């Protein structure tokens, strides 16, 4: 299952998977781009292992890394409770 997490002002979509049996959560990031179609990257939590990076500049990727890093605790929690929409208190 994939859950929406956040949409940024530039239409970047951040989604995450359910927590897998090994405790990992896949975070997928995708940004529409006129030339490339879509830029994309994947981050595996809690290890913060970045893979499948395409189209992002170093500056853009650093921003996304900081953003995911600051939201890791929420993504991990939501991955176990049915996503943001199912979180109590939000």
PDB file of N, CA and C in Angstrom:
ATOM      1  N   UNK A   1       0.839  -1.172   0.000  1.00  0.00           N
ATOM      2  CA  UNK A   1       0.000   0.000   0.000  1.00  0.00           C
ATOM      3  C   UNK A   1       0.887   1.238   0.000  1.00  0.00           C
ATOM      4  N   UNK A   2       0.487   2.269  -0.738  1.00  0.00           N
ATOM      5  CA  UNK A   2       1.212   3.535  -0.787  1.00  0.00           C
ATOM      6  C   UNK A   2       0.291   4.639  -0.278  1.00  0.00           C
ATOM      7  N   UNK A   3       0.838   5.489   0.587  1.00  0.00           N
ATOM      8  CA  UNK A   3       0.057   6.562   1.196  1.00  0.00           C
ATOM      9  C   UNK A   3       0.617   7.928   0.791  1.00  0.00           C
ATOM     10  N   UNK A   4      -0.251   8.886   0.444  1.00  0.00           N
ATOM     11  CA  UNK A   4       0.237  10.243   0.183  1.00  0.00           C
ATOM     12  C   UNK A   4       0.724  10.853   1.495  1.00  0.00           C
ATOM     13  N   UNK A   5       1.799  11.615   1.409  1.00  0.00           N
ATOM     14  CA  UNK A   5       2.316  12.271   2.604  1.00  0.00           C
ATOM     15  C   UNK A   5       2.296  13.792   2.463  1.00  0.00           C
ATOM     16  N   UNK A   6       2.822  14.302   1.333  1.00  0.00           N
ATOM     17  CA  UNK A   6       2.954  15.749   1.217  1.00  0.00           C
ATOM     18  C   UNK A   6       3.033  16.138  -0.260  1.00  0.00           C
ATOM     19  N   UNK A   7       2.448  17.293  -0.583  1.00  0.00           N
ATOM     20  CA  UNK A   7       2.603  17.904  -1.897  1.00  0.00           C
ATOM     21  C   UNK A   7       3.215  19.280  -1.683  1.00  0.00           C
ATOM     22  N   UNK A   8       4.339  19.533  -2.345  1.00  0.00           N
ATOM     23  CA  UNK A   8       5.028  20.811  -2.208  1.00  0.00           C
ATOM     24  C   UNK A   8       4.479  21.817  -3.216  1.00  0.00           C
ATOM     25  N   UNK A   9       4.846  23.078  -3.056  1.00  0.00           N
ATOM     26  CA  UNK A   9       4.351  24.151  -3.922  1.00  0.00           C
ATOM     27  C   UNK A   9       4.689  23.951  -5.393  1.00  0.00           C
ATOM     28  N   UNK A  10       5.778  23.229  -5.691  1.00  0.00           N
ATOM     29  CA  UNK A  10       6.166  22.990  -7.085  1.00  0.00           C
ATOM     30  C   UNK A  10       5.551  21.702  -7.634  1.00  0.00           C
ATOM     31  N   UNK A  11       4.532  21.183  -6.954  1.00  0.00           N
ATOM     32  CA  UNK A  11       3.820  19.952  -7.320  1.00  0.00           C
ATOM     33  C   UNK A  11       4.623  18.677  -7.087  1.00  0.00           C
ATOM     34  N   UNK A  12       5.695  18.763  -6.325  1.00  0.00           N
ATOM     35  CA  UNK A  12       6.421  17.565  -5.918  1.00  0.00           C
ATOM     36  C   UNK A  12       5.524  16.750  -5.008  1.00  0.00           C
ATOM     37  N   UNK A  13       5.393  15.469  -5.325  1.00  0.00           N
ATOM     38  CA  UNK A  13       4.580  14.553  -4.517  1.00  0.00           C
ATOM     39  C   UNK A  13       5.505  13.653  -3.706  1.00  0.00           C
ATOM     40  N   UNK A  14       5.209  13.519  -2.431  1.00  0.00           N
ATOM     41  CA  UNK A  14       5.955  12.614  -1.555  1.00  0.00           C
ATOM     42  C   UNK A  14       4.956  11.601  -1.017  1.00  0.00           C
ATOM     43  N   UNK A  15       5.240  10.327  -1.265  1.00  0.00           N
ATOM     44  CA  UNK A  15       4.393   9.238  -0.791  1.00  0.00           C
ATOM     45  C   UNK A  15       5.275   8.232  -0.066  1.00  0.00           C
ATOM     46  N   UNK A  16       4.632   7.377   0.734  1.00  0.00           N
ATOM     47  CA  UNK A  16       5.401   6.351   1.443  1.00  0.00           C
ATOM     48  C   UNK A  16       4.615   5.048   1.483  1.00  0.00           C
ATOM     49  N   UNK A  17       5.352   3.982   1.682  1.00  0.00           N
ATOM     50  CA  UNK A  17       4.748   2.650   1.770  1.00  0.00           C
ATOM     51  C   UNK A  17       4.343   2.340   3.203  1.00  0.00           C
ATOM     52  N   UNK A  18       3.667   1.215   3.358  1.00  0.00           N
ATOM     53  CA  UNK A  18       3.469   0.652   4.694  1.00  0.00           C
ATOM     54  C   UNK A  18       4.829   0.180   5.199  1.00  0.00           C
ATOM     55  N   UNK A  19       4.973   0.065   6.506  1.00  0.00           N
ATOM     56  CA  UNK A  19       6.212  -0.482   7.041  1.00  0.00           C
ATOM     57  C   UNK A  19       6.289  -1.960   6.686  1.00  0.00           C
ATOM     58  N   UNK A  20       7.423  -2.356   6.125  1.00  0.00           N
ATOM     59  CA  UNK A  20       7.627  -3.740   5.746  1.00  0.00           C
ATOM     60  C   UNK A  20       8.005  -4.571   6.964  1.00  0.00           C
ATOM     61  N   UNK A  21       7.978  -5.865   6.814  1.00  0.00           N
ATOM     62  CA  UNK A  21       8.286  -6.774   7.927  1.00  0.00           C
ATOM     63  C   UNK A  21       9.676  -6.518   8.510  1.00  0.00           C
ATOM     64  N   UNK A  22      10.611  -6.061   7.678  1.00  0.00           N
ATOM     65  CA  UNK A  22      11.965  -5.785   8.161  1.00  0.00           C
ATOM     66  C   UNK A  22      12.113  -4.387   8.758  1.00  0.00           C
ATOM     67  N   UNK A  23      10.998  -3.634   8.870  1.00  0.00           N
ATOM     68  CA  UNK A  23      11.014  -2.311   9.474  1.00  0.00           C
ATOM     69  C   UNK A  23      11.325  -1.185   8.515  1.00  0.00           C
ATOM     70  N   UNK A  24      11.500  -1.495   7.239  1.00  0.00           N
ATOM     71  CA  UNK A  24      11.828  -0.461   6.252  1.00  0.00           C
ATOM     72  C   UNK A  24      10.566   0.158   5.658  1.00  0.00           C
ATOM     73  N   UNK A  25      10.692   1.430   5.286  1.00  0.00           N
ATOM     74  CA  UNK A  25       9.611   2.169   4.641  1.00  0.00           C
ATOM     75  C   UNK A  25      10.190   2.832   3.395  1.00  0.00           C
ATOM     76  N   UNK A  26       9.512   2.659   2.284  1.00  0.00           N
ATOM     77  CA  UNK A  26       9.945   3.256   1.024  1.00  0.00           C
ATOM     78  C   UNK A  26       9.255   4.611   0.862  1.00  0.00           C
ATOM     79  N   UNK A  27      10.063   5.662   0.677  1.00  0.00           N
ATOM     80  CA  UNK A  27       9.551   7.006   0.426  1.00  0.00           C
ATOM     81  C   UNK A  27       9.870   7.338  -1.028  1.00  0.00           C
ATOM     82  N   UNK A  28       8.841   7.639  -1.803  1.00  0.00           N
ATOM     83  CA  UNK A  28       9.020   7.979  -3.213  1.00  0.00           C
ATOM     84  C   UNK A  28       8.696   9.448  -3.414  1.00  0.00           C
ATOM     85  N   UNK A  29       9.560  10.113  -4.186  1.00  0.00           N
ATOM     86  CA  UNK A  29       9.410  11.537  -4.451  1.00  0.00           C
ATOM     87  C   UNK A  29       9.399  11.722  -5.965  1.00  0.00           C
ATOM     88  N   UNK A  30       8.468  12.551  -6.436  1.00  0.00           N
ATOM     89  CA  UNK A  30       8.319  12.761  -7.875  1.00  0.00           C
ATOM     90  C   UNK A  30       7.928  14.214  -8.133  1.00  0.00           C
ATOM     91  N   UNK A  31       8.636  14.843  -9.075  1.00  0.00           N
ATOM     92  CA  UNK A  31       8.374  16.234  -9.427  1.00  0.00           C
ATOM     93  C   UNK A  31       8.160  16.335 -10.933  1.00  0.00           C
ATOM     94  N   UNK A  32       7.039  16.919 -11.385  1.00  0.00           N
ATOM     95  CA  UNK A  32       6.856  17.104 -12.819  1.00  0.00           C
ATOM     96  C   UNK A  32       7.923  18.044 -13.374  1.00  0.00           C
ATOM     97  N   UNK A  33       8.390  17.755 -14.592  1.00  0.00           N
ATOM     98  CA  UNK A  33       9.422  18.564 -15.226  1.00  0.00           C
ATOM     99  C   UNK A  33       9.125  18.653 -16.718  1.00  0.00           C
ATOM    100  N   UNK A  34       9.149  19.868 -17.274  1.00  0.00           N
ATOM    101  CA  UNK A  34       8.807  20.059 -18.683  1.00  0.00           C
ATOM    102  C   UNK A  34       9.729  19.299 -19.629  1.00  0.00           C
ATOM    103  N   UNK A  35      11.016  19.223 -19.323  1.00  0.00           N
ATOM    104  CA  UNK A  35      11.985  18.572 -20.203  1.00  0.00           C
ATOM    105  C   UNK A  35      12.082  17.065 -19.952  1.00  0.00           C
ATOM    106  N   UNK A  36      12.051  16.665 -18.697  1.00  0.00           N
ATOM    107  CA  UNK A  36      12.303  15.261 -18.342  1.00  0.00           C
ATOM    108  C   UNK A  36      11.031  14.437 -18.163  1.00  0.00           C
ATOM    109  N   UNK A  37       9.906  15.087 -18.082  1.00  0.00           N
ATOM    110  CA  UNK A  37       8.671  14.389 -17.730  1.00  0.00           C
ATOM    111  C   UNK A  37       8.503  14.436 -16.221  1.00  0.00           C
ATOM    112  N   UNK A  38       9.318  13.645 -15.528  1.00  0.00           N
ATOM    113  CA  UNK A  38       9.321  13.643 -14.068  1.00  0.00           C
ATOM    114  C   UNK A  38      10.730  13.449 -13.553  1.00  0.00           C
ATOM    115  N   UNK A  39      11.074  14.188 -12.517  1.00  0.00           N
ATOM    116  CA  UNK A  39      12.262  13.906 -11.714  1.00  0.00           C
ATOM    117  C   UNK A  39      11.786  12.961 -10.631  1.00  0.00           C
ATOM    118  N   UNK A  40      12.663  12.075 -10.154  1.00  0.00           N
ATOM    119  CA  UNK A  40      12.229  11.176  -9.080  1.00  0.00           C
ATOM    120  C   UNK A  40      13.404  10.701  -8.244  1.00  0.00           C
ATOM    121  N   UNK A  41      13.076  10.277  -7.050  1.00  0.00           N
ATOM    122  CA  UNK A  41      14.060   9.715  -6.125  1.00  0.00           C
ATOM    123  C   UNK A  41      13.326   8.841  -5.120  1.00  0.00           C
ATOM    124  N   UNK A  42      14.064   7.884  -4.570  1.00  0.00           N
ATOM    125  CA  UNK A  42      13.527   6.991  -3.549  1.00  0.00           C
ATOM    126  C   UNK A  42      14.438   7.041  -2.329  1.00  0.00           C
ATOM    127  N   UNK A  43      13.830   7.075  -1.160  1.00  0.00           N
ATOM    128  CA  UNK A  43      14.579   7.018   0.093  1.00  0.00           C
ATOM    129  C   UNK A  43      14.009   5.875   0.931  1.00  0.00           C
ATOM    130  N   UNK A  44      14.877   5.032   1.434  1.00  0.00           N
ATOM    131  CA  UNK A  44      14.466   3.938   2.320  1.00  0.00           C
ATOM    132  C   UNK A  44      14.745   4.338   3.761  1.00  0.00           C
ATOM    133  N   UNK A  45      13.696   4.329   4.556  1.00  0.00           N
ATOM    134  CA  UNK A  45      13.814   4.652   5.983  1.00  0.00           C
ATOM    135  C   UNK A  45      13.760   3.367   6.787  1.00  0.00           C
ATOM    136  N   UNK A  46      14.327   3.296   7.966  1.00  0.00           N
ATOM    137  CA  UNK A  46      14.988   4.378   8.688  1.00  0.00           C
ATOM    138  C   UNK A  46      16.455   4.579   8.308  1.00  0.00           C
ATOM    139  N   UNK A  47      16.990   3.794   7.378  1.00  0.00           N
ATOM    140  CA  UNK A  47      18.404   3.882   7.019  1.00  0.00           C
ATOM    141  C   UNK A  47      18.763   5.172   6.285  1.00  0.00           C
ATOM    142  N   UNK A  48      17.765   5.832   5.681  1.00  0.00           N
ATOM    143  CA  UNK A  48      17.971   7.026   4.859  1.00  0.00           C
ATOM    144  C   UNK A  48      18.895   6.712   3.690  1.00  0.00           C
ATOM    145  N   UNK A  49      18.628   5.590   3.049  1.00  0.00           N
ATOM    146  CA  UNK A  49      19.371   5.142   1.875  1.00  0.00           C
ATOM    147  C   UNK A  49      18.657   5.668   0.628  1.00  0.00           C
ATOM    148  N   UNK A  50      19.325   6.522  -0.135  1.00  0.00           N
ATOM    149  CA  UNK A  50      18.747   7.139  -1.327  1.00  0.00           C
ATOM    150  C   UNK A  50      19.127   6.345  -2.572  1.00  0.00           C
ATOM    151  N   UNK A  51      18.128   6.026  -3.395  1.00  0.00           N
ATOM    152  CA  UNK A  51      18.340   5.257  -4.615  1.00  0.00           C
ATOM    153  C   UNK A  51      17.482   5.846  -5.735  1.00  0.00           C
ATOM    154  N   UNK A  52      17.684   5.362  -6.937  1.00  0.00           N
ATOM    155  CA  UNK A  52      16.838   5.693  -8.084  1.00  0.00           C
ATOM    156  C   UNK A  52      16.651   7.209  -8.236  1.00  0.00           C
ATOM    157  N   UNK A  53      17.750   7.952  -8.171  1.00  0.00           N
ATOM    158  CA  UNK A  53      17.698   9.413  -8.249  1.00  0.00           C
ATOM    159  C   UNK A  53      17.839   9.816  -9.712  1.00  0.00           C
ATOM    160  N   UNK A  54      16.894  10.635 -10.181  1.00  0.00           N
ATOM    161  CA  UNK A  54      16.913  11.051 -11.580  1.00  0.00           C
ATOM    162  C   UNK A  54      16.416  12.488 -11.721  1.00  0.00           C
ATOM    163  N   UNK A  55      17.251  13.349 -12.295  1.00  0.00           N
ATOM    164  CA  UNK A  55      16.825  14.680 -12.684  1.00  0.00           C
ATOM    165  C   UNK A  55      17.004  15.786 -11.668  1.00  0.00           C
ATOM    166  N   UNK A  56      17.195  15.471 -10.410  1.00  0.00           N
ATOM    167  CA  UNK A  56      17.337  16.510  -9.386  1.00  0.00           C
ATOM    168  C   UNK A  56      18.764  17.051  -9.364  1.00  0.00           C
ATOM    169  N   UNK A  57      18.881  18.372  -9.204  1.00  0.00           N
ATOM    170  CA  UNK A  57      20.199  18.977  -9.011  1.00  0.00           C
ATOM    171  C   UNK A  57      20.684  18.625  -7.607  1.00  0.00           C
ATOM    172  N   UNK A  58      21.945  18.873  -7.364  1.00  0.00           N
ATOM    173  CA  UNK A  58      22.493  18.617  -6.029  1.00  0.00           C
ATOM    174  C   UNK A  58      21.768  19.458  -4.982  1.00  0.00           C
ATOM    175  N   UNK A  59      21.468  20.713  -5.326  1.00  0.00           N
ATOM    176  CA  UNK A  59      20.760  21.603  -4.407  1.00  0.00           C
ATOM    177  C   UNK A  59      19.342  21.085  -4.127  1.00  0.00           C
ATOM    178  N   UNK A  60      18.633  20.664  -5.164  1.00  0.00           N
ATOM    179  CA  UNK A  60      17.287  20.132  -4.990  1.00  0.00           C
ATOM    180  C   UNK A  60      17.311  18.862  -4.143  1.00  0.00           C
ATOM    181  N   UNK A  61      18.268  17.991  -4.423  1.00  0.00           N
ATOM    182  CA  UNK A  61      18.360  16.742  -3.675  1.00  0.00           C
ATOM    183  C   UNK A  61      18.697  16.999  -2.216  1.00  0.00           C
ATOM    184  N   UNK A  62      19.584  17.949  -1.948  1.00  0.00           N
ATOM    185  CA  UNK A  62      19.910  18.283  -0.558  1.00  0.00           C
ATOM    186  C   UNK A  62      18.675  18.789   0.183  1.00  0.00           C
ATOM    187  N   UNK A  63      17.857  19.612  -0.491  1.00  0.00           N
ATOM    188  CA  UNK A  63      16.616  20.091   0.115  1.00  0.00           C
ATOM    189  C   UNK A  63      15.696  18.918   0.446  1.00  0.00           C
ATOM    190  N   UNK A  64      15.533  17.992  -0.499  1.00  0.00           N
ATOM    191  CA  UNK A  64      14.655  16.837  -0.270  1.00  0.00           C
ATOM    192  C   UNK A  64      15.184  15.960   0.855  1.00  0.00           C
ATOM    193  N   UNK A  65      16.486  15.785   0.917  1.00  0.00           N
ATOM    194  CA  UNK A  65      17.086  14.987   2.001  1.00  0.00           C
ATOM    195  C   UNK A  65      16.802  15.629   3.357  1.00  0.00           C
ATOM    196  N   UNK A  66      16.962  16.950   3.446  1.00  0.00           N
ATOM    197  CA  UNK A  66      16.674  17.650   4.702  1.00  0.00           C
ATOM    198  C   UNK A  66      15.199  17.528   5.066  1.00  0.00           C
ATOM    199  N   UNK A  67      14.334  17.652   4.065  1.00  0.00           N
ATOM    200  CA  UNK A  67      12.900  17.557   4.306  1.00  0.00           C
ATOM    201  C   UNK A  67      12.522  16.171   4.826  1.00  0.00           C
ATOM    202  N   UNK A  68      12.975  15.129   4.143  1.00  0.00           N
ATOM    203  CA  UNK A  68      12.662  13.764   4.577  1.00  0.00           C
ATOM    204  C   UNK A  68      13.255  13.502   5.957  1.00  0.00           C
ATOM    205  N   UNK A  69      14.474  13.973   6.172  1.00  0.00           N
ATOM    206  CA  UNK A  69      15.110  13.787   7.475  1.00  0.00           C
ATOM    207  C   UNK A  69      14.272  14.409   8.594  1.00  0.00           C
ATOM    208  N   UNK A  70      13.743  15.598   8.352  1.00  0.00           N
ATOM    209  CA  UNK A  70      12.956  16.283   9.395  1.00  0.00           C
ATOM    210  C   UNK A  70      11.589  15.645   9.616  1.00  0.00           C
ATOM    211  N   UNK A  71      11.098  14.885   8.648  1.00  0.00           N
ATOM    212  CA  UNK A  71       9.777  14.265   8.747  1.00  0.00           C
ATOM    213  C   UNK A  71       9.829  12.747   8.959  1.00  0.00           C
ATOM    214  N   UNK A  72      11.023  12.188   9.117  1.00  0.00           N
ATOM    215  CA  UNK A  72      11.175  10.742   9.243  1.00  0.00           C
ATOM    216  C   UNK A  72      10.309  10.164  10.353  1.00  0.00           C
ATOM    217  N   UNK A  73      10.290  10.805  11.505  1.00  0.00           N
ATOM    218  CA  UNK A  73       9.517  10.268  12.632  1.00  0.00           C
ATOM    219  C   UNK A  73       8.036  10.153  12.285  1.00  0.00           C
ATOM    220  N   UNK A  74       7.496  11.142  11.570  1.00  0.00           N
ATOM    221  CA  UNK A  74       6.086  11.083  11.179  1.00  0.00           C
ATOM    222  C   UNK A  74       5.834  10.017  10.113  1.00  0.00           C
ATOM    223  N   UNK A  75       6.712   9.953   9.133  1.00  0.00           N
ATOM    224  CA  UNK A  75       6.545   8.955   8.066  1.00  0.00           C
ATOM    225  C   UNK A  75       6.574   7.550   8.666  1.00  0.00           C
ATOM    226  N   UNK A  76       7.502   7.299   9.564  1.00  0.00           N
ATOM    227  CA  UNK A  76       7.575   5.968  10.190  1.00  0.00           C
ATOM    228  C   UNK A  76       6.311   5.668  10.990  1.00  0.00           C
ATOM    229  N   UNK A  77       5.807   6.656  11.697  1.00  0.00           N
ATOM    230  CA  UNK A  77       4.569   6.462  12.464  1.00  0.00           C
ATOM    231  C   UNK A  77       3.390   6.200  11.524  1.00  0.00           C
ATOM    232  N   UNK A  78       3.240   7.055  10.512  1.00  0.00           N
ATOM    233  CA  UNK A  78       2.112   6.916   9.589  1.00  0.00           C
ATOM    234  C   UNK A  78       2.182   5.618   8.793  1.00  0.00           C
ATOM    235  N   UNK A  79       3.386   5.109   8.563  1.00  0.00           N
ATOM    236  CA  UNK A  79       3.530   3.866   7.797  1.00  0.00           C
ATOM    237  C   UNK A  79       2.953   2.665   8.556  1.00  0.00           C
ATOM    238  N   UNK A  80       2.749   2.846   9.846  1.00  0.00           N
ATOM    239  CA  UNK A  80       2.208   1.760  10.676  1.00  0.00           C
ATOM    240  C   UNK A  80       0.731   1.954  11.013  1.00  0.00           C
ATOM    241  N   UNK A  81       0.196   3.125  10.663  1.00  0.00           N
ATOM    242  CA  UNK A  81      -1.169   3.435  11.082  1.00  0.00           C
ATOM    243  C   UNK A  81      -2.110   3.759   9.924  1.00  0.00           C
ATOM    244  N   UNK A  82      -1.708   3.429   8.710  1.00  0.00           N
ATOM    245  CA  UNK A  82      -2.595   3.663   7.572  1.00  0.00           C
ATOM    246  C   UNK A  82      -2.448   5.011   6.913  1.00  0.00           C
ATOM    247  N   UNK A  83      -1.312   5.657   7.078  1.00  0.00           N
ATOM    248  CA  UNK A  83      -1.054   6.925   6.412  1.00  0.00           C
ATOM    249  C   UNK A  83      -1.555   8.126   7.180  1.00  0.00           C
ATOM    250  N   UNK A  84      -1.272   9.300   6.632  1.00  0.00           N
ATOM    251  CA  UNK A  84      -1.635  10.578   7.262  1.00  0.00           C
ATOM    252  C   UNK A  84      -3.133  10.678   7.521  1.00  0.00           C
ATOM    253  N   UNK A  85      -3.939  10.263   6.550  1.00  0.00           N
ATOM    254  CA  UNK A  85      -5.389  10.399   6.693  1.00  0.00           C
ATOM    255  C   UNK A  85      -5.958   9.572   7.830  1.00  0.00           C
ATOM    256  N   UNK A  86      -5.262   8.528   8.254  1.00  0.00           N
ATOM    257  CA  UNK A  86      -5.735   7.680   9.330  1.00  0.00           C
ATOM    258  C   UNK A  86      -5.143   8.042  10.685  1.00  0.00           C
ATOM    259  N   UNK A  87      -4.213   8.999  10.693  1.00  0.00           N
ATOM    260  CA  UNK A  87      -3.539   9.368  11.937  1.00  0.00           C
ATOM    261  C   UNK A  87      -4.495  10.092  12.876  1.00  0.00           C
ATOM    262  N   UNK A  88      -4.504   9.695  14.123  1.00  0.00           N
ATOM    263  CA  UNK A  88      -5.387  10.356  15.085  1.00  0.00           C
ATOM    264  C   UNK A  88      -4.768  11.692  15.476  1.00  0.00           C
ATOM    265  N   UNK A  89      -5.594  12.685  15.661  1.00  0.00           N
ATOM    266  CA  UNK A  89      -5.120  13.977  16.080  1.00  0.00           C
ATOM    267  C   UNK A  89      -4.700  14.895  14.954  1.00  0.00           C
ATOM    268  N   UNK A  90      -4.786  14.457  13.700  1.00  0.00           N
ATOM    269  CA  UNK A  90      -4.405  15.301  12.562  1.00  0.00           C
ATOM    270  C   UNK A  90      -5.614  15.580  11.708  1.00  0.00           C
TER     271      UNK A  90
END
